[in-house]
Amino acid sequence: MAKTSTGSERFRIQIEEQARATAATQERNSQLGQQVNDLEDQLQAERANTQERINLERAEREQLEERLKEEHAERERLLQEERTSRLEFEKHMMAKFVELSKQLGTQQVPTKRVDKENSNPNLQNILLQRSSPNKTPGSRPTAISSNALIQAAARQSRMFKAMEPKN
């Protein structure tokens, strides 16, 4: 026969069940606390990793911006150098054209071709029969206008540029 439990035994059984439930709850709380700590550690590591990537990307961007500035400055320097070179060339060509024009105007160009032409008596007559810029026949040599010299210098400059090898 089974004994009927007394009030004190029932109370003791309840206390034991509550103690077991409390222990299980504490164990579960401990496990959850450990999971929270692990997740916080992972989050902190991820934040540090993200910040490191941000810093690396920022440094890379700054390097690229600096290199871009340097390349821009170099491009501007080369453009200025090209402009200066072109101006010097055009000045030099203009000086040569002016000199040549003066020499042609005063017939002072001592070249083999001119000497050959001058040795041809018919050439002198042909030159004298040529019309001057105002279309009246005369013995005056044809003068080259400054505009014509500038245009010729510009054409000459473009020809030299076209002939230069591309780098």
N, C-alpha and C. Protein backbone atom coordinates (compact mmCIF):
# COMPACT_ATOMS: atom_id res chain seq x y z
N MET A 1 0.81 -1.17 0.00
CA MET A 1 0.00 0.00 0.00
C MET A 1 0.85 1.23 0.00
N ALA A 2 0.35 2.16 -0.68
CA ALA A 2 1.09 3.40 -0.76
C ALA A 2 0.72 4.28 0.40
N LYS A 3 1.79 4.95 0.83
CA LYS A 3 1.57 5.85 1.94
C LYS A 3 1.08 7.19 1.40
N THR A 4 0.22 7.80 2.06
CA THR A 4 -0.24 9.13 1.67
C THR A 4 0.79 10.13 2.15
N SER A 5 1.04 11.05 1.29
CA SER A 5 2.07 12.01 1.65
C SER A 5 1.49 13.06 2.57
N THR A 6 2.36 13.42 3.43
CA THR A 6 1.96 14.43 4.39
C THR A 6 2.25 15.80 3.79
N GLY A 7 1.80 16.80 4.43
CA GLY A 7 1.99 18.18 3.96
C GLY A 7 3.45 18.56 3.89
N SER A 8 4.24 18.10 4.85
CA SER A 8 5.65 18.47 4.83
C SER A 8 6.39 17.77 3.69
N GLU A 9 6.00 16.57 3.35
CA GLU A 9 6.64 15.88 2.24
C GLU A 9 6.28 16.56 0.92
N ARG A 10 5.04 16.94 0.79
CA ARG A 10 4.62 17.64 -0.42
C ARG A 10 5.36 18.96 -0.55
N PHE A 11 5.54 19.62 0.55
CA PHE A 11 6.26 20.91 0.54
C PHE A 11 7.71 20.69 0.13
N ARG A 12 8.32 19.63 0.66
CA ARG A 12 9.71 19.32 0.33
C ARG A 12 9.83 18.98 -1.16
N ILE A 13 8.90 18.25 -1.71
CA ILE A 13 8.91 17.87 -3.13
C ILE A 13 8.78 19.13 -4.00
N GLN A 14 7.93 20.02 -3.61
CA GLN A 14 7.76 21.28 -4.36
C GLN A 14 9.03 22.10 -4.35
N ILE A 15 9.66 22.15 -3.18
CA ILE A 15 10.92 22.91 -3.06
C ILE A 15 11.98 22.28 -3.95
N GLU A 16 12.06 20.97 -3.98
CA GLU A 16 13.06 20.29 -4.82
C GLU A 16 12.79 20.56 -6.30
N GLU A 17 11.52 20.54 -6.71
CA GLU A 17 11.16 20.81 -8.11
C GLU A 17 11.51 22.26 -8.47
N GLN A 18 11.22 23.16 -7.56
CA GLN A 18 11.56 24.57 -7.80
C GLN A 18 13.07 24.75 -7.88
N ALA A 19 13.82 24.04 -7.05
CA ALA A 19 15.29 24.12 -7.07
C ALA A 19 15.81 23.60 -8.41
N ARG A 20 15.24 22.48 -8.90
CA ARG A 20 15.66 21.95 -10.19
C ARG A 20 15.31 22.94 -11.32
N ALA A 21 14.14 23.54 -11.27
CA ALA A 21 13.73 24.51 -12.30
C ALA A 21 14.62 25.75 -12.24
N THR A 22 14.93 26.18 -11.05
CA THR A 22 15.81 27.34 -10.90
C THR A 22 17.21 27.02 -11.43
N ALA A 23 17.71 25.83 -11.16
CA ALA A 23 19.03 25.44 -11.66
C ALA A 23 19.01 25.37 -13.19
N ALA A 24 17.94 24.82 -13.75
CA ALA A 24 17.84 24.74 -15.21
C ALA A 24 17.77 26.14 -15.82
N THR A 25 17.00 27.02 -15.19
CA THR A 25 16.88 28.40 -15.68
C THR A 25 18.22 29.12 -15.58
N GLN A 26 18.92 28.92 -14.48
CA GLN A 26 20.25 29.54 -14.33
C GLN A 26 21.22 29.01 -15.37
N GLU A 27 21.15 27.71 -15.64
CA GLU A 27 22.03 27.12 -16.67
C GLU A 27 21.71 27.73 -18.04
N ARG A 28 20.42 27.85 -18.33
CA ARG A 28 20.01 28.44 -19.61
C ARG A 28 20.43 29.91 -19.69
N ASN A 29 20.27 30.66 -18.61
CA ASN A 29 20.73 32.06 -18.56
C ASN A 29 22.24 32.16 -18.77
N SER A 30 22.96 31.23 -18.17
CA SER A 30 24.42 31.22 -18.33
C SER A 30 24.79 30.98 -19.79
N GLN A 31 24.11 30.02 -20.44
CA GLN A 31 24.38 29.73 -21.85
C GLN A 31 24.05 30.93 -22.72
N LEU A 32 22.91 31.56 -22.48
CA LEU A 32 22.52 32.74 -23.25
C LEU A 32 23.49 33.90 -23.01
N GLY A 33 23.93 34.06 -21.78
CA GLY A 33 24.91 35.10 -21.47
C GLY A 33 26.21 34.87 -22.24
N GLN A 34 26.63 33.62 -22.33
CA GLN A 34 27.85 33.29 -23.09
C GLN A 34 27.65 33.59 -24.58
N GLN A 35 26.48 33.26 -25.10
CA GLN A 35 26.18 33.57 -26.51
C GLN A 35 26.20 35.08 -26.76
N VAL A 36 25.63 35.83 -25.82
CA VAL A 36 25.64 37.29 -25.95
C VAL A 36 27.07 37.81 -25.96
N ASN A 37 27.89 37.30 -25.05
CA ASN A 37 29.31 37.72 -25.01
C ASN A 37 30.03 37.37 -26.30
N ASP A 38 29.78 36.16 -26.83
CA ASP A 38 30.40 35.75 -28.10
C ASP A 38 29.97 36.68 -29.24
N LEU A 39 28.66 36.98 -29.28
CA LEU A 39 28.16 37.87 -30.33
C LEU A 39 28.74 39.28 -30.20
N GLU A 40 28.86 39.76 -28.97
CA GLU A 40 29.47 41.09 -28.76
C GLU A 40 30.93 41.09 -29.22
N ASP A 41 31.66 40.01 -28.93
CA ASP A 41 33.05 39.90 -29.39
C ASP A 41 33.12 39.89 -30.91
N GLN A 42 32.22 39.14 -31.55
CA GLN A 42 32.19 39.10 -33.02
C GLN A 42 31.86 40.48 -33.60
N LEU A 43 30.90 41.14 -32.97
CA LEU A 43 30.52 42.47 -33.43
C LEU A 43 31.68 43.45 -33.30
N GLN A 44 32.38 43.39 -32.19
CA GLN A 44 33.54 44.28 -31.99
C GLN A 44 34.64 43.97 -33.00
N ALA A 45 34.88 42.69 -33.27
CA ALA A 45 35.89 42.32 -34.26
C ALA A 45 35.46 42.80 -35.65
N GLU A 46 34.18 42.67 -35.97
CA GLU A 46 33.67 43.13 -37.27
C GLU A 46 33.80 44.64 -37.39
N ARG A 47 33.49 45.36 -36.31
CA ARG A 47 33.65 46.82 -36.33
C ARG A 47 35.11 47.22 -36.56
N ALA A 48 36.02 46.54 -35.87
CA ALA A 48 37.45 46.83 -36.05
C ALA A 48 37.88 46.53 -37.47
N ASN A 49 37.42 45.42 -38.02
CA ASN A 49 37.74 45.04 -39.40
C ASN A 49 37.18 46.06 -40.38
N THR A 50 35.95 46.48 -40.17
CA THR A 50 35.32 47.48 -41.03
C THR A 50 36.07 48.80 -40.96
N GLN A 51 36.45 49.22 -39.77
CA GLN A 51 37.19 50.47 -39.62
C GLN A 51 38.56 50.38 -40.31
N GLU A 52 39.18 49.22 -40.22
CA GLU A 52 40.47 49.02 -40.89
C GLU A 52 40.31 49.12 -42.41
N ARG A 53 39.25 48.51 -42.94
CA ARG A 53 38.99 48.60 -44.38
C ARG A 53 38.70 50.04 -44.80
N ILE A 54 37.93 50.75 -43.98
CA ILE A 54 37.64 52.16 -44.27
C ILE A 54 38.93 52.97 -44.30
N ASN A 55 39.80 52.74 -43.32
CA ASN A 55 41.07 53.47 -43.28
C ASN A 55 41.94 53.15 -44.49
N LEU A 56 41.98 51.87 -44.89
CA LEU A 56 42.77 51.48 -46.06
C LEU A 56 42.21 52.12 -47.33
N GLU A 57 40.88 52.09 -47.46
CA GLU A 57 40.27 52.70 -48.65
C GLU A 57 40.47 54.20 -48.67
N ARG A 58 40.41 54.84 -47.52
CA ARG A 58 40.65 56.28 -47.44
C ARG A 58 42.09 56.60 -47.86
N ALA A 59 43.05 55.81 -47.35
CA ALA A 59 44.45 56.03 -47.71
C ALA A 59 44.67 55.81 -49.21
N GLU A 60 44.03 54.78 -49.75
CA GLU A 60 44.15 54.51 -51.19
C GLU A 60 43.55 55.65 -52.01
N ARG A 61 42.38 56.15 -51.58
CA ARG A 61 41.74 57.26 -52.28
C ARG A 61 42.63 58.51 -52.23
N GLU A 62 43.24 58.77 -51.08
CA GLU A 62 44.12 59.93 -50.97
C GLU A 62 45.33 59.79 -51.88
N GLN A 63 45.87 58.57 -51.97
CA GLN A 63 47.00 58.34 -52.88
C GLN A 63 46.57 58.56 -54.33
N LEU A 64 45.40 58.06 -54.68
CA LEU A 64 44.91 58.25 -56.05
C LEU A 64 44.67 59.73 -56.35
N GLU A 65 44.12 60.45 -55.39
CA GLU A 65 43.90 61.89 -55.59
C GLU A 65 45.23 62.62 -55.75
N GLU A 66 46.22 62.24 -54.96
CA GLU A 66 47.54 62.88 -55.06
C GLU A 66 48.17 62.57 -56.42
N ARG A 67 48.06 61.32 -56.86
CA ARG A 67 48.60 60.95 -58.16
C ARG A 67 47.88 61.69 -59.28
N LEU A 68 46.57 61.84 -59.14
CA LEU A 68 45.79 62.58 -60.13
C LEU A 68 46.24 64.04 -60.18
N LYS A 69 46.47 64.64 -59.03
CA LYS A 69 46.96 66.02 -58.99
C LYS A 69 48.32 66.13 -59.66
N GLU A 70 49.20 65.16 -59.39
CA GLU A 70 50.53 65.18 -60.00
C GLU A 70 50.43 65.04 -61.52
N GLU A 71 49.58 64.12 -61.97
CA GLU A 71 49.41 63.92 -63.41
C GLU A 71 48.81 65.16 -64.06
N HIS A 72 47.89 65.80 -63.37
CA HIS A 72 47.29 67.03 -63.90
C HIS A 72 48.35 68.13 -64.00
N ALA A 73 49.17 68.26 -62.96
CA ALA A 73 50.23 69.27 -62.98
C ALA A 73 51.23 68.97 -64.11
N GLU A 74 51.56 67.69 -64.29
CA GLU A 74 52.50 67.31 -65.35
C GLU A 74 51.89 67.60 -66.72
N ARG A 75 50.60 67.30 -66.88
CA ARG A 75 49.92 67.58 -68.14
C ARG A 75 49.91 69.09 -68.42
N GLU A 76 49.64 69.88 -67.41
CA GLU A 76 49.65 71.34 -67.58
C GLU A 76 51.05 71.83 -67.94
N ARG A 77 52.08 71.24 -67.27
CA ARG A 77 53.45 71.64 -67.57
C ARG A 77 53.81 71.31 -69.02
N LEU A 78 53.40 70.11 -69.47
CA LEU A 78 53.69 69.71 -70.84
C LEU A 78 52.95 70.60 -71.84
N LEU A 79 51.70 70.93 -71.51
CA LEU A 79 50.95 71.83 -72.41
C LEU A 79 51.61 73.20 -72.49
N GLN A 80 52.05 73.71 -71.33
CA GLN A 80 52.72 75.01 -71.33
C GLN A 80 54.04 74.93 -72.10
N GLU A 81 54.75 73.83 -71.92
CA GLU A 81 56.01 73.64 -72.64
C GLU A 81 55.75 73.58 -74.15
N GLU A 82 54.68 72.88 -74.53
CA GLU A 82 54.33 72.80 -75.95
C GLU A 82 53.96 74.18 -76.50
N ARG A 83 53.18 74.93 -75.73
CA ARG A 83 52.81 76.29 -76.18
C ARG A 83 54.05 77.16 -76.35
N THR A 84 54.93 77.10 -75.36
CA THR A 84 56.16 77.90 -75.42
C THR A 84 56.99 77.48 -76.61
N SER A 85 57.13 76.17 -76.80
CA SER A 85 57.91 75.66 -77.93
C SER A 85 57.30 76.11 -79.25
N ARG A 86 55.97 76.00 -79.34
CA ARG A 86 55.28 76.41 -80.56
C ARG A 86 55.50 77.91 -80.82
N LEU A 87 55.37 78.72 -79.78
CA LEU A 87 55.58 80.16 -79.94
C LEU A 87 57.01 80.47 -80.38
N GLU A 88 57.97 79.79 -79.75
CA GLU A 88 59.37 80.00 -80.13
C GLU A 88 59.58 79.60 -81.59
N PHE A 89 59.01 78.47 -81.96
CA PHE A 89 59.15 78.01 -83.34
C PHE A 89 58.53 79.02 -84.30
N GLU A 90 57.31 79.48 -83.96
CA GLU A 90 56.66 80.45 -84.84
C GLU A 90 57.44 81.75 -84.91
N LYS A 91 58.00 82.21 -83.79
CA LYS A 91 58.82 83.42 -83.81
C LYS A 91 60.05 83.20 -84.69
N HIS A 92 60.67 82.04 -84.52
CA HIS A 92 61.86 81.72 -85.31
C HIS A 92 61.51 81.68 -86.80
N MET A 93 60.38 81.02 -87.12
CA MET A 93 59.97 80.93 -88.52
C MET A 93 59.62 82.31 -89.07
N MET A 94 58.96 83.13 -88.25
CA MET A 94 58.63 84.49 -88.70
C MET A 94 59.90 85.28 -88.97
N ALA A 95 60.88 85.14 -88.08
CA ALA A 95 62.14 85.84 -88.29
C ALA A 95 62.80 85.36 -89.58
N LYS A 96 62.74 84.05 -89.83
CA LYS A 96 63.32 83.51 -91.07
C LYS A 96 62.57 84.03 -92.29
N PHE A 97 61.22 84.06 -92.18
CA PHE A 97 60.44 84.58 -93.31
C PHE A 97 60.73 86.05 -93.55
N VAL A 98 60.83 86.82 -92.47
CA VAL A 98 61.14 88.25 -92.63
C VAL A 98 62.50 88.41 -93.27
N GLU A 99 63.46 87.62 -92.78
CA GLU A 99 64.81 87.70 -93.34
C GLU A 99 64.79 87.31 -94.82
N LEU A 100 64.09 86.22 -95.12
CA LEU A 100 64.00 85.76 -96.50
C LEU A 100 63.29 86.80 -97.36
N SER A 101 62.24 87.38 -96.81
CA SER A 101 61.50 88.40 -97.54
C SER A 101 62.39 89.60 -97.84
N LYS A 102 63.18 89.99 -96.85
CA LYS A 102 64.10 91.12 -97.06
C LYS A 102 65.13 90.75 -98.11
N GLN A 103 65.65 89.53 -98.01
CA GLN A 103 66.66 89.11 -98.98
C GLN A 103 66.07 89.03 -100.38
N LEU A 104 64.84 88.51 -100.49
CA LEU A 104 64.21 88.45 -101.79
C LEU A 104 63.89 89.84 -102.31
N GLY A 105 63.51 90.72 -101.38
CA GLY A 105 63.19 92.08 -101.76
C GLY A 105 64.41 92.84 -102.26
N THR A 106 65.55 92.54 -101.73
CA THR A 106 66.78 93.23 -102.15
C THR A 106 67.65 92.37 -103.04
N GLN A 107 67.15 91.15 -103.40
CA GLN A 107 67.88 90.23 -104.28
C GLN A 107 69.24 89.88 -103.69
N GLN A 108 69.29 89.58 -102.38
CA GLN A 108 70.56 89.26 -101.73
C GLN A 108 70.69 87.80 -101.36
N VAL A 109 69.91 86.92 -101.94
CA VAL A 109 69.98 85.51 -101.58
C VAL A 109 71.00 84.83 -102.48
N PRO A 110 72.21 84.59 -101.99
CA PRO A 110 73.24 83.96 -102.81
C PRO A 110 73.17 82.44 -102.71
N THR A 111 72.29 81.83 -103.46
CA THR A 111 72.22 80.36 -103.49
C THR A 111 72.54 79.89 -104.89
N LYS A 112 72.84 78.61 -105.00
CA LYS A 112 73.17 78.06 -106.31
C LYS A 112 72.00 78.19 -107.26
N ARG A 113 70.78 77.96 -106.73
CA ARG A 113 69.61 78.04 -107.59
C ARG A 113 69.44 79.48 -108.10
N VAL A 114 69.57 80.45 -107.21
CA VAL A 114 69.42 81.85 -107.61
C VAL A 114 70.53 82.23 -108.59
N ASP A 115 71.74 81.75 -108.32
CA ASP A 115 72.84 82.04 -109.25
C ASP A 115 72.53 81.45 -110.62
N LYS A 116 71.99 80.23 -110.66
CA LYS A 116 71.63 79.62 -111.94
C LYS A 116 70.56 80.45 -112.63
N GLU A 117 69.53 80.84 -111.81
CA GLU A 117 68.43 81.60 -112.38
C GLU A 117 68.93 82.95 -112.88
N ASN A 118 69.82 83.56 -112.11
CA ASN A 118 70.34 84.87 -112.51
C ASN A 118 71.22 84.77 -113.75
N SER A 119 71.80 83.58 -113.94
CA SER A 119 72.65 83.42 -115.12
C SER A 119 71.81 83.24 -116.39
N ASN A 120 70.54 82.97 -116.22
CA ASN A 120 69.65 82.82 -117.37
C ASN A 120 69.15 84.21 -117.78
N PRO A 121 69.54 84.72 -118.93
CA PRO A 121 69.13 86.07 -119.33
C PRO A 121 67.64 86.18 -119.57
N ASN A 122 67.00 85.13 -119.99
CA ASN A 122 65.56 85.17 -120.22
C ASN A 122 64.78 85.32 -118.91
N LEU A 123 65.34 84.76 -117.79
CA LEU A 123 64.68 84.84 -116.50
C LEU A 123 64.55 86.29 -116.05
N GLN A 124 65.58 87.07 -116.27
CA GLN A 124 65.50 88.49 -115.89
C GLN A 124 64.34 89.17 -116.60
N ASN A 125 64.17 88.88 -117.87
CA ASN A 125 63.06 89.46 -118.62
C ASN A 125 61.72 88.97 -118.11
N ILE A 126 61.67 87.69 -117.79
CA ILE A 126 60.42 87.13 -117.27
C ILE A 126 60.06 87.79 -115.95
N LEU A 127 61.04 87.94 -115.05
CA LEU A 127 60.79 88.58 -113.77
C LEU A 127 60.35 90.02 -113.94
N LEU A 128 60.93 90.70 -114.87
CA LEU A 128 60.56 92.09 -115.09
C LEU A 128 59.16 92.23 -115.66
N GLN A 129 58.70 91.18 -116.36
CA GLN A 129 57.38 91.25 -116.96
C GLN A 129 56.28 90.84 -115.97
N ARG A 130 56.66 90.24 -114.85
CA ARG A 130 55.65 89.84 -113.85
C ARG A 130 54.96 91.06 -113.28
N SER A 131 53.70 90.87 -112.97
CA SER A 131 52.97 92.00 -112.42
C SER A 131 53.22 92.11 -110.93
N SER A 132 53.14 93.31 -110.42
CA SER A 132 53.31 93.56 -109.00
C SER A 132 52.00 93.27 -108.30
N PRO A 133 51.94 93.35 -106.96
CA PRO A 133 50.71 93.02 -106.25
C PRO A 133 49.51 93.84 -106.70
N ASN A 134 49.72 95.06 -107.19
CA ASN A 134 48.57 95.85 -107.64
C ASN A 134 48.27 95.62 -109.12
N LYS A 135 48.81 94.54 -109.69
CA LYS A 135 48.53 94.06 -111.05
C LYS A 135 48.99 95.01 -112.16
N THR A 136 49.89 95.88 -111.87
CA THR A 136 50.44 96.73 -112.94
C THR A 136 51.82 96.22 -113.28
N PRO A 137 52.15 96.09 -114.56
CA PRO A 137 53.47 95.57 -114.93
C PRO A 137 54.55 96.53 -114.46
N GLY A 138 55.65 95.95 -114.04
CA GLY A 138 56.75 96.79 -113.57
C GLY A 138 57.93 95.95 -113.16
N SER A 139 58.99 96.59 -112.78
CA SER A 139 60.21 95.88 -112.43
C SER A 139 60.33 95.67 -110.93
N ARG A 140 59.36 96.12 -110.20
CA ARG A 140 59.39 95.96 -108.75
C ARG A 140 59.18 94.49 -108.38
N PRO A 141 59.98 93.94 -107.45
CA PRO A 141 59.75 92.55 -107.05
C PRO A 141 58.46 92.45 -106.23
N THR A 142 57.85 91.28 -106.28
CA THR A 142 56.61 91.05 -105.55
C THR A 142 56.92 91.02 -104.05
N ALA A 143 56.22 91.85 -103.29
CA ALA A 143 56.42 91.88 -101.83
C ALA A 143 55.48 90.87 -101.19
N ILE A 144 55.96 90.21 -100.16
CA ILE A 144 55.14 89.24 -99.44
C ILE A 144 54.54 89.97 -98.25
N SER A 145 53.23 89.93 -98.15
CA SER A 145 52.56 90.63 -97.05
C SER A 145 52.82 89.91 -95.73
N SER A 146 52.68 90.65 -94.63
CA SER A 146 52.91 90.04 -93.32
C SER A 146 51.85 88.98 -93.03
N ASN A 147 50.62 89.16 -93.50
CA ASN A 147 49.59 88.14 -93.32
C ASN A 147 49.97 86.84 -94.03
N ALA A 148 50.50 86.97 -95.23
CA ALA A 148 50.93 85.79 -95.98
C ALA A 148 52.05 85.08 -95.23
N LEU A 149 52.95 85.85 -94.64
CA LEU A 149 54.05 85.24 -93.86
C LEU A 149 53.50 84.51 -92.64
N ILE A 150 52.53 85.12 -91.96
CA ILE A 150 51.95 84.49 -90.77
C ILE A 150 51.24 83.21 -91.16
N GLN A 151 50.48 83.25 -92.26
CA GLN A 151 49.77 82.05 -92.70
C GLN A 151 50.75 80.95 -93.11
N ALA A 152 51.83 81.36 -93.78
CA ALA A 152 52.84 80.37 -94.18
C ALA A 152 53.51 79.76 -92.96
N ALA A 153 53.78 80.58 -91.94
CA ALA A 153 54.40 80.07 -90.71
C ALA A 153 53.47 79.10 -90.01
N ALA A 154 52.19 79.42 -89.98
CA ALA A 154 51.22 78.52 -89.35
C ALA A 154 51.15 77.19 -90.10
N ARG A 155 51.12 77.26 -91.46
CA ARG A 155 51.10 76.03 -92.25
C ARG A 155 52.37 75.22 -92.01
N GLN A 156 53.49 75.92 -91.95
CA GLN A 156 54.77 75.25 -91.73
C GLN A 156 54.77 74.57 -90.36
N SER A 157 54.23 75.25 -89.35
CA SER A 157 54.16 74.69 -88.00
C SER A 157 53.30 73.43 -88.00
N ARG A 158 52.15 73.47 -88.68
CA ARG A 158 51.29 72.29 -88.76
C ARG A 158 51.97 71.15 -89.50
N MET A 159 52.74 71.49 -90.54
CA MET A 159 53.46 70.45 -91.29
C MET A 159 54.48 69.77 -90.39
N PHE A 160 55.23 70.55 -89.60
CA PHE A 160 56.22 69.96 -88.72
C PHE A 160 55.56 69.10 -87.65
N LYS A 161 54.43 69.54 -87.14
CA LYS A 161 53.72 68.75 -86.15
C LYS A 161 53.26 67.44 -86.76
N ALA A 162 52.75 67.48 -87.95
CA ALA A 162 52.26 66.27 -88.63
C ALA A 162 53.40 65.30 -88.89
N MET A 163 54.58 65.82 -89.11
CA MET A 163 55.72 64.97 -89.44
C MET A 163 56.37 64.39 -88.18
N GLU A 164 56.12 64.99 -87.00
CA GLU A 164 56.74 64.51 -85.78
C GLU A 164 56.17 63.14 -85.45
N PRO A 165 57.03 62.21 -84.97
CA PRO A 165 56.51 60.89 -84.59
C PRO A 165 55.69 60.99 -83.32
N LYS A 166 54.61 60.26 -83.29
CA LYS A 166 53.75 60.25 -82.10
C LYS A 166 54.38 59.34 -81.06
N ASN A 167 54.40 59.80 -79.80
CA ASN A 167 54.95 58.98 -78.70
C ASN A 167 53.89 58.21 -78.03
